[in-house]
Amino acid sequence: MTTQISTFEDDALALTQAAVGMSQALEAGDGPALAAALDENLKLWTAIKTLMGSSDCRLPADIRTNLTRLSDYTAKVTFDLSPERRAQKIEALINTNLQIAEGLLEGQAKAIAS
């Protein structure tokens, strides 16, 4: 039996993996790994923003707007990691990824149930 991963599951997995990478590097105090994880997360959110601006995007306008704003937020936080609130801001990025991943999976489950 072959299991296919949907686009929603693939996107949720990418967001979750980015969150795990940031979390593990933060907990380990591994500066180079954290920088790499933050860079990967930023690339992911840049890709999301690009997709939201594409004329091929079929998501409702409000969802596209919200994801674009989250992408902008992610970039702002990533570039403004002042030492005194660094861990708190990275935790916010981790939580954002996990919440969006959960929303993608819930949305897919609702669509399947309909």
N, C-alpha and C. Protein backbone atom coordinates (compact mmCIF):
# COMPACT_ATOMS: atom_id res chain seq x y z
N MET A 1 0.84 -1.18 0.00
CA MET A 1 0.00 0.00 0.00
C MET A 1 0.89 1.24 0.00
N THR A 2 0.57 2.18 -0.85
CA THR A 2 1.33 3.40 -0.95
C THR A 2 0.57 4.53 -0.27
N THR A 3 1.27 5.30 0.52
CA THR A 3 0.66 6.44 1.19
C THR A 3 1.12 7.70 0.49
N GLN A 4 0.17 8.51 0.08
CA GLN A 4 0.51 9.78 -0.55
C GLN A 4 0.39 10.87 0.48
N ILE A 5 1.32 11.78 0.48
CA ILE A 5 1.26 12.93 1.37
C ILE A 5 0.66 14.08 0.57
N SER A 6 -0.37 14.68 1.12
CA SER A 6 -1.00 15.80 0.44
C SER A 6 -0.12 17.04 0.55
N THR A 7 -0.42 18.02 -0.23
CA THR A 7 0.30 19.29 -0.18
C THR A 7 0.18 19.90 1.21
N PHE A 8 -1.02 19.81 1.80
CA PHE A 8 -1.22 20.35 3.14
C PHE A 8 -0.33 19.64 4.15
N GLU A 9 -0.25 18.31 4.05
CA GLU A 9 0.60 17.55 4.97
C GLU A 9 2.07 17.87 4.74
N ASP A 10 2.45 18.03 3.49
CA ASP A 10 3.83 18.36 3.16
C ASP A 10 4.20 19.73 3.73
N ASP A 11 3.30 20.70 3.57
CA ASP A 11 3.54 22.04 4.11
C ASP A 11 3.58 22.02 5.64
N ALA A 12 2.67 21.28 6.24
CA ALA A 12 2.65 21.17 7.69
C ALA A 12 3.94 20.52 8.19
N LEU A 13 4.41 19.52 7.48
CA LEU A 13 5.65 18.84 7.85
C LEU A 13 6.83 19.81 7.77
N ALA A 14 6.90 20.59 6.71
CA ALA A 14 8.00 21.55 6.54
C ALA A 14 8.00 22.57 7.68
N LEU A 15 6.83 23.08 8.04
CA LEU A 15 6.73 24.04 9.14
C LEU A 15 7.13 23.41 10.46
N THR A 16 6.69 22.17 10.67
CA THR A 16 7.00 21.46 11.91
C THR A 16 8.50 21.16 12.00
N GLN A 17 9.08 20.72 10.89
CA GLN A 17 10.51 20.44 10.89
C GLN A 17 11.33 21.70 11.17
N ALA A 18 10.91 22.82 10.61
CA ALA A 18 11.60 24.08 10.88
C ALA A 18 11.48 24.45 12.35
N ALA A 19 10.30 24.24 12.93
CA ALA A 19 10.09 24.53 14.35
C ALA A 19 10.96 23.63 15.22
N VAL A 20 11.02 22.36 14.89
CA VAL A 20 11.84 21.42 15.66
C VAL A 20 13.32 21.79 15.56
N GLY A 21 13.76 22.15 14.37
CA GLY A 21 15.16 22.54 14.19
C GLY A 21 15.52 23.75 15.04
N MET A 22 14.64 24.75 15.06
CA MET A 22 14.91 25.94 15.88
C MET A 22 14.89 25.58 17.36
N SER A 23 13.92 24.77 17.76
CA SER A 23 13.78 24.39 19.16
C SER A 23 14.99 23.60 19.66
N GLN A 24 15.41 22.63 18.89
CA GLN A 24 16.56 21.81 19.30
C GLN A 24 17.83 22.64 19.40
N ALA A 25 18.05 23.51 18.43
CA ALA A 25 19.25 24.34 18.45
C ALA A 25 19.21 25.33 19.61
N LEU A 26 18.04 25.89 19.88
CA LEU A 26 17.90 26.82 20.99
C LEU A 26 18.17 26.12 22.32
N GLU A 27 17.57 24.95 22.51
CA GLU A 27 17.76 24.20 23.75
C GLU A 27 19.20 23.76 23.94
N ALA A 28 19.87 23.41 22.85
CA ALA A 28 21.27 22.96 22.94
C ALA A 28 22.24 24.13 23.07
N GLY A 29 21.75 25.34 22.83
CA GLY A 29 22.65 26.49 22.87
C GLY A 29 23.67 26.46 21.75
N ASP A 30 23.29 25.83 20.64
CA ASP A 30 24.18 25.66 19.49
C ASP A 30 23.96 26.83 18.52
N GLY A 31 24.82 27.84 18.63
CA GLY A 31 24.70 29.04 17.81
C GLY A 31 24.68 28.80 16.32
N PRO A 32 25.64 28.04 15.78
CA PRO A 32 25.64 27.79 14.34
C PRO A 32 24.39 27.01 13.87
N ALA A 33 23.96 26.03 14.64
CA ALA A 33 22.76 25.27 14.27
C ALA A 33 21.53 26.16 14.35
N LEU A 34 21.48 27.04 15.33
CA LEU A 34 20.35 27.96 15.46
C LEU A 34 20.31 28.93 14.28
N ALA A 35 21.47 29.45 13.90
CA ALA A 35 21.52 30.36 12.75
C ALA A 35 21.04 29.64 11.49
N ALA A 36 21.45 28.39 11.31
CA ALA A 36 21.03 27.62 10.14
C ALA A 36 19.52 27.35 10.19
N ALA A 37 19.01 27.02 11.37
CA ALA A 37 17.57 26.73 11.51
C ALA A 37 16.75 28.00 11.26
N LEU A 38 17.20 29.12 11.77
CA LEU A 38 16.50 30.39 11.52
C LEU A 38 16.52 30.75 10.05
N ASP A 39 17.65 30.50 9.39
CA ASP A 39 17.76 30.76 7.96
C ASP A 39 16.80 29.88 7.16
N GLU A 40 16.72 28.61 7.51
CA GLU A 40 15.80 27.70 6.82
C GLU A 40 14.35 28.13 7.04
N ASN A 41 14.04 28.55 8.26
CA ASN A 41 12.68 29.01 8.56
C ASN A 41 12.34 30.26 7.75
N LEU A 42 13.30 31.16 7.67
CA LEU A 42 13.09 32.38 6.89
C LEU A 42 12.87 32.06 5.42
N LYS A 43 13.63 31.13 4.88
CA LYS A 43 13.45 30.71 3.48
C LYS A 43 12.06 30.11 3.27
N LEU A 44 11.61 29.32 4.22
CA LEU A 44 10.28 28.71 4.14
C LEU A 44 9.20 29.78 4.11
N TRP A 45 9.29 30.74 5.01
CA TRP A 45 8.29 31.80 5.06
C TRP A 45 8.38 32.74 3.86
N THR A 46 9.58 32.91 3.31
CA THR A 46 9.71 33.70 2.08
C THR A 46 9.01 32.99 0.93
N ALA A 47 9.15 31.68 0.87
CA ALA A 47 8.46 30.90 -0.16
C ALA A 47 6.95 30.98 0.01
N ILE A 48 6.49 30.94 1.26
CA ILE A 48 5.05 31.06 1.52
C ILE A 48 4.55 32.41 1.03
N LYS A 49 5.29 33.47 1.35
CA LYS A 49 4.88 34.81 0.92
C LYS A 49 4.84 34.90 -0.61
N THR A 50 5.81 34.31 -1.25
CA THR A 50 5.85 34.31 -2.71
C THR A 50 4.62 33.60 -3.29
N LEU A 51 4.29 32.45 -2.71
CA LEU A 51 3.11 31.71 -3.17
C LEU A 51 1.82 32.49 -2.94
N MET A 52 1.74 33.20 -1.84
CA MET A 52 0.52 33.97 -1.54
C MET A 52 0.33 35.12 -2.53
N GLY A 53 1.43 35.62 -3.07
CA GLY A 53 1.35 36.71 -4.04
C GLY A 53 1.17 36.24 -5.47
N SER A 54 1.21 34.94 -5.68
CA SER A 54 1.09 34.39 -7.02
C SER A 54 -0.35 34.46 -7.52
N SER A 55 -0.51 34.72 -8.79
CA SER A 55 -1.85 34.76 -9.38
C SER A 55 -2.49 33.38 -9.41
N ASP A 56 -1.68 32.33 -9.26
CA ASP A 56 -2.19 30.96 -9.25
C ASP A 56 -2.73 30.53 -7.89
N CYS A 57 -2.51 31.32 -6.86
CA CYS A 57 -2.93 30.96 -5.51
C CYS A 57 -4.46 30.99 -5.43
N ARG A 58 -5.03 29.85 -5.03
CA ARG A 58 -6.49 29.73 -4.97
C ARG A 58 -7.05 29.88 -3.56
N LEU A 59 -6.22 30.24 -2.61
CA LEU A 59 -6.70 30.44 -1.25
C LEU A 59 -7.52 31.73 -1.18
N PRO A 60 -8.46 31.78 -0.25
CA PRO A 60 -9.23 33.01 -0.08
C PRO A 60 -8.32 34.18 0.28
N ALA A 61 -8.75 35.37 -0.10
CA ALA A 61 -7.93 36.57 0.09
C ALA A 61 -7.55 36.79 1.54
N ASP A 62 -8.45 36.53 2.48
CA ASP A 62 -8.13 36.76 3.88
C ASP A 62 -7.03 35.82 4.38
N ILE A 63 -7.02 34.59 3.91
CA ILE A 63 -5.98 33.64 4.30
C ILE A 63 -4.65 34.05 3.68
N ARG A 64 -4.68 34.46 2.41
CA ARG A 64 -3.45 34.92 1.77
C ARG A 64 -2.88 36.13 2.51
N THR A 65 -3.74 37.06 2.88
CA THR A 65 -3.30 38.25 3.61
C THR A 65 -2.69 37.87 4.95
N ASN A 66 -3.34 36.97 5.68
CA ASN A 66 -2.83 36.55 6.99
C ASN A 66 -1.48 35.85 6.87
N LEU A 67 -1.33 34.98 5.89
CA LEU A 67 -0.06 34.28 5.71
C LEU A 67 1.05 35.24 5.26
N THR A 68 0.70 36.21 4.45
CA THR A 68 1.67 37.23 4.05
C THR A 68 2.12 38.03 5.26
N ARG A 69 1.18 38.39 6.12
CA ARG A 69 1.53 39.13 7.34
C ARG A 69 2.41 38.29 8.26
N LEU A 70 2.10 37.01 8.38
CA LEU A 70 2.93 36.13 9.20
C LEU A 70 4.34 36.01 8.62
N SER A 71 4.43 35.99 7.31
CA SER A 71 5.75 35.94 6.68
C SER A 71 6.54 37.21 7.00
N ASP A 72 5.88 38.35 6.91
CA ASP A 72 6.53 39.62 7.25
C ASP A 72 6.95 39.64 8.72
N TYR A 73 6.08 39.13 9.60
CA TYR A 73 6.39 39.05 11.02
C TYR A 73 7.61 38.16 11.26
N THR A 74 7.64 37.02 10.59
CA THR A 74 8.75 36.09 10.74
C THR A 74 10.06 36.75 10.33
N ALA A 75 10.06 37.45 9.23
CA ALA A 75 11.27 38.15 8.77
C ALA A 75 11.69 39.21 9.78
N LYS A 76 10.74 39.99 10.25
CA LYS A 76 11.04 41.06 11.21
C LYS A 76 11.65 40.49 12.48
N VAL A 77 11.05 39.44 13.00
CA VAL A 77 11.55 38.83 14.23
C VAL A 77 12.93 38.22 14.01
N THR A 78 13.11 37.55 12.89
CA THR A 78 14.38 36.90 12.60
C THR A 78 15.52 37.91 12.52
N PHE A 79 15.26 39.06 11.93
CA PHE A 79 16.30 40.07 11.77
C PHE A 79 16.47 40.96 13.00
N ASP A 80 15.55 40.83 13.96
CA ASP A 80 15.61 41.66 15.16
C ASP A 80 15.68 40.78 16.40
N LEU A 81 16.67 39.92 16.46
CA LEU A 81 16.83 39.02 17.60
C LEU A 81 17.81 39.63 18.60
N SER A 82 17.33 40.65 19.30
CA SER A 82 18.18 41.28 20.30
C SER A 82 18.47 40.27 21.42
N PRO A 83 19.65 40.33 21.98
CA PRO A 83 20.08 39.32 22.97
C PRO A 83 19.15 39.19 24.18
N GLU A 84 18.56 40.29 24.63
CA GLU A 84 17.76 40.23 25.85
C GLU A 84 16.43 39.48 25.68
N ARG A 85 15.93 39.38 24.48
CA ARG A 85 14.65 38.68 24.26
C ARG A 85 14.78 37.61 23.18
N ARG A 86 15.96 37.18 22.89
CA ARG A 86 16.23 36.24 21.80
C ARG A 86 15.44 34.94 21.95
N ALA A 87 15.54 34.30 23.08
CA ALA A 87 14.86 33.01 23.29
C ALA A 87 13.35 33.18 23.17
N GLN A 88 12.81 34.24 23.74
CA GLN A 88 11.37 34.49 23.70
C GLN A 88 10.90 34.68 22.25
N LYS A 89 11.66 35.41 21.46
CA LYS A 89 11.28 35.65 20.07
C LYS A 89 11.39 34.37 19.24
N ILE A 90 12.40 33.57 19.49
CA ILE A 90 12.53 32.31 18.76
C ILE A 90 11.38 31.38 19.13
N GLU A 91 11.00 31.36 20.41
CA GLU A 91 9.85 30.55 20.82
C GLU A 91 8.58 31.02 20.10
N ALA A 92 8.45 32.31 19.88
CA ALA A 92 7.29 32.83 19.14
C ALA A 92 7.30 32.32 17.70
N LEU A 93 8.47 32.28 17.08
CA LEU A 93 8.57 31.74 15.72
C LEU A 93 8.21 30.25 15.70
N ILE A 94 8.70 29.52 16.68
CA ILE A 94 8.40 28.08 16.78
C ILE A 94 6.89 27.88 16.92
N ASN A 95 6.27 28.62 17.83
CA ASN A 95 4.83 28.49 18.04
C ASN A 95 4.02 28.88 16.81
N THR A 96 4.46 29.90 16.10
CA THR A 96 3.78 30.30 14.87
C THR A 96 3.79 29.16 13.86
N ASN A 97 4.95 28.55 13.67
CA ASN A 97 5.05 27.42 12.73
C ASN A 97 4.13 26.28 13.14
N LEU A 98 4.16 25.94 14.42
CA LEU A 98 3.35 24.81 14.89
C LEU A 98 1.85 25.09 14.77
N GLN A 99 1.45 26.31 15.05
CA GLN A 99 0.03 26.66 14.94
C GLN A 99 -0.44 26.64 13.49
N ILE A 100 0.37 27.14 12.58
CA ILE A 100 -0.01 27.11 11.16
C ILE A 100 -0.02 25.68 10.65
N ALA A 101 0.93 24.87 11.05
CA ALA A 101 0.94 23.46 10.65
C ALA A 101 -0.32 22.76 11.14
N GLU A 102 -0.69 23.02 12.38
CA GLU A 102 -1.91 22.42 12.94
C GLU A 102 -3.14 22.88 12.16
N GLY A 103 -3.18 24.17 11.83
CA GLY A 103 -4.30 24.70 11.05
C GLY A 103 -4.40 24.06 9.67
N LEU A 104 -3.27 23.84 9.03
CA LEU A 104 -3.28 23.19 7.72
C LEU A 104 -3.86 21.78 7.82
N LEU A 105 -3.45 21.05 8.83
CA LEU A 105 -3.94 19.68 8.99
C LEU A 105 -5.42 19.64 9.37
N GLU A 106 -5.84 20.57 10.22
CA GLU A 106 -7.27 20.65 10.57
C GLU A 106 -8.11 21.02 9.37
N GLY A 107 -7.61 21.96 8.57
CA GLY A 107 -8.33 22.37 7.36
C GLY A 107 -8.47 21.22 6.38
N GLN A 108 -7.42 20.43 6.26
CA GLN A 108 -7.47 19.28 5.36
C GLN A 108 -8.46 18.24 5.89
N ALA A 109 -8.47 18.01 7.19
CA ALA A 109 -9.38 17.04 7.79
C ALA A 109 -10.83 17.47 7.57
N LYS A 110 -11.10 18.75 7.70
CA LYS A 110 -12.47 19.26 7.46
C LYS A 110 -12.85 19.09 6.01
N ALA A 111 -11.91 19.36 5.11
CA ALA A 111 -12.20 19.23 3.67
C ALA A 111 -12.49 17.79 3.31
N ILE A 112 -11.76 16.85 3.91
CA ILE A 112 -11.98 15.44 3.63
C ILE A 112 -13.33 14.98 4.18
N ALA A 113 -13.69 15.50 5.36
CA ALA A 113 -14.94 15.11 6.00
C ALA A 113 -16.17 15.65 5.27
N SER A 114 -15.98 16.71 4.50
CA SER A 114 -17.12 17.34 3.81
C SER A 114 -17.61 16.53 2.63
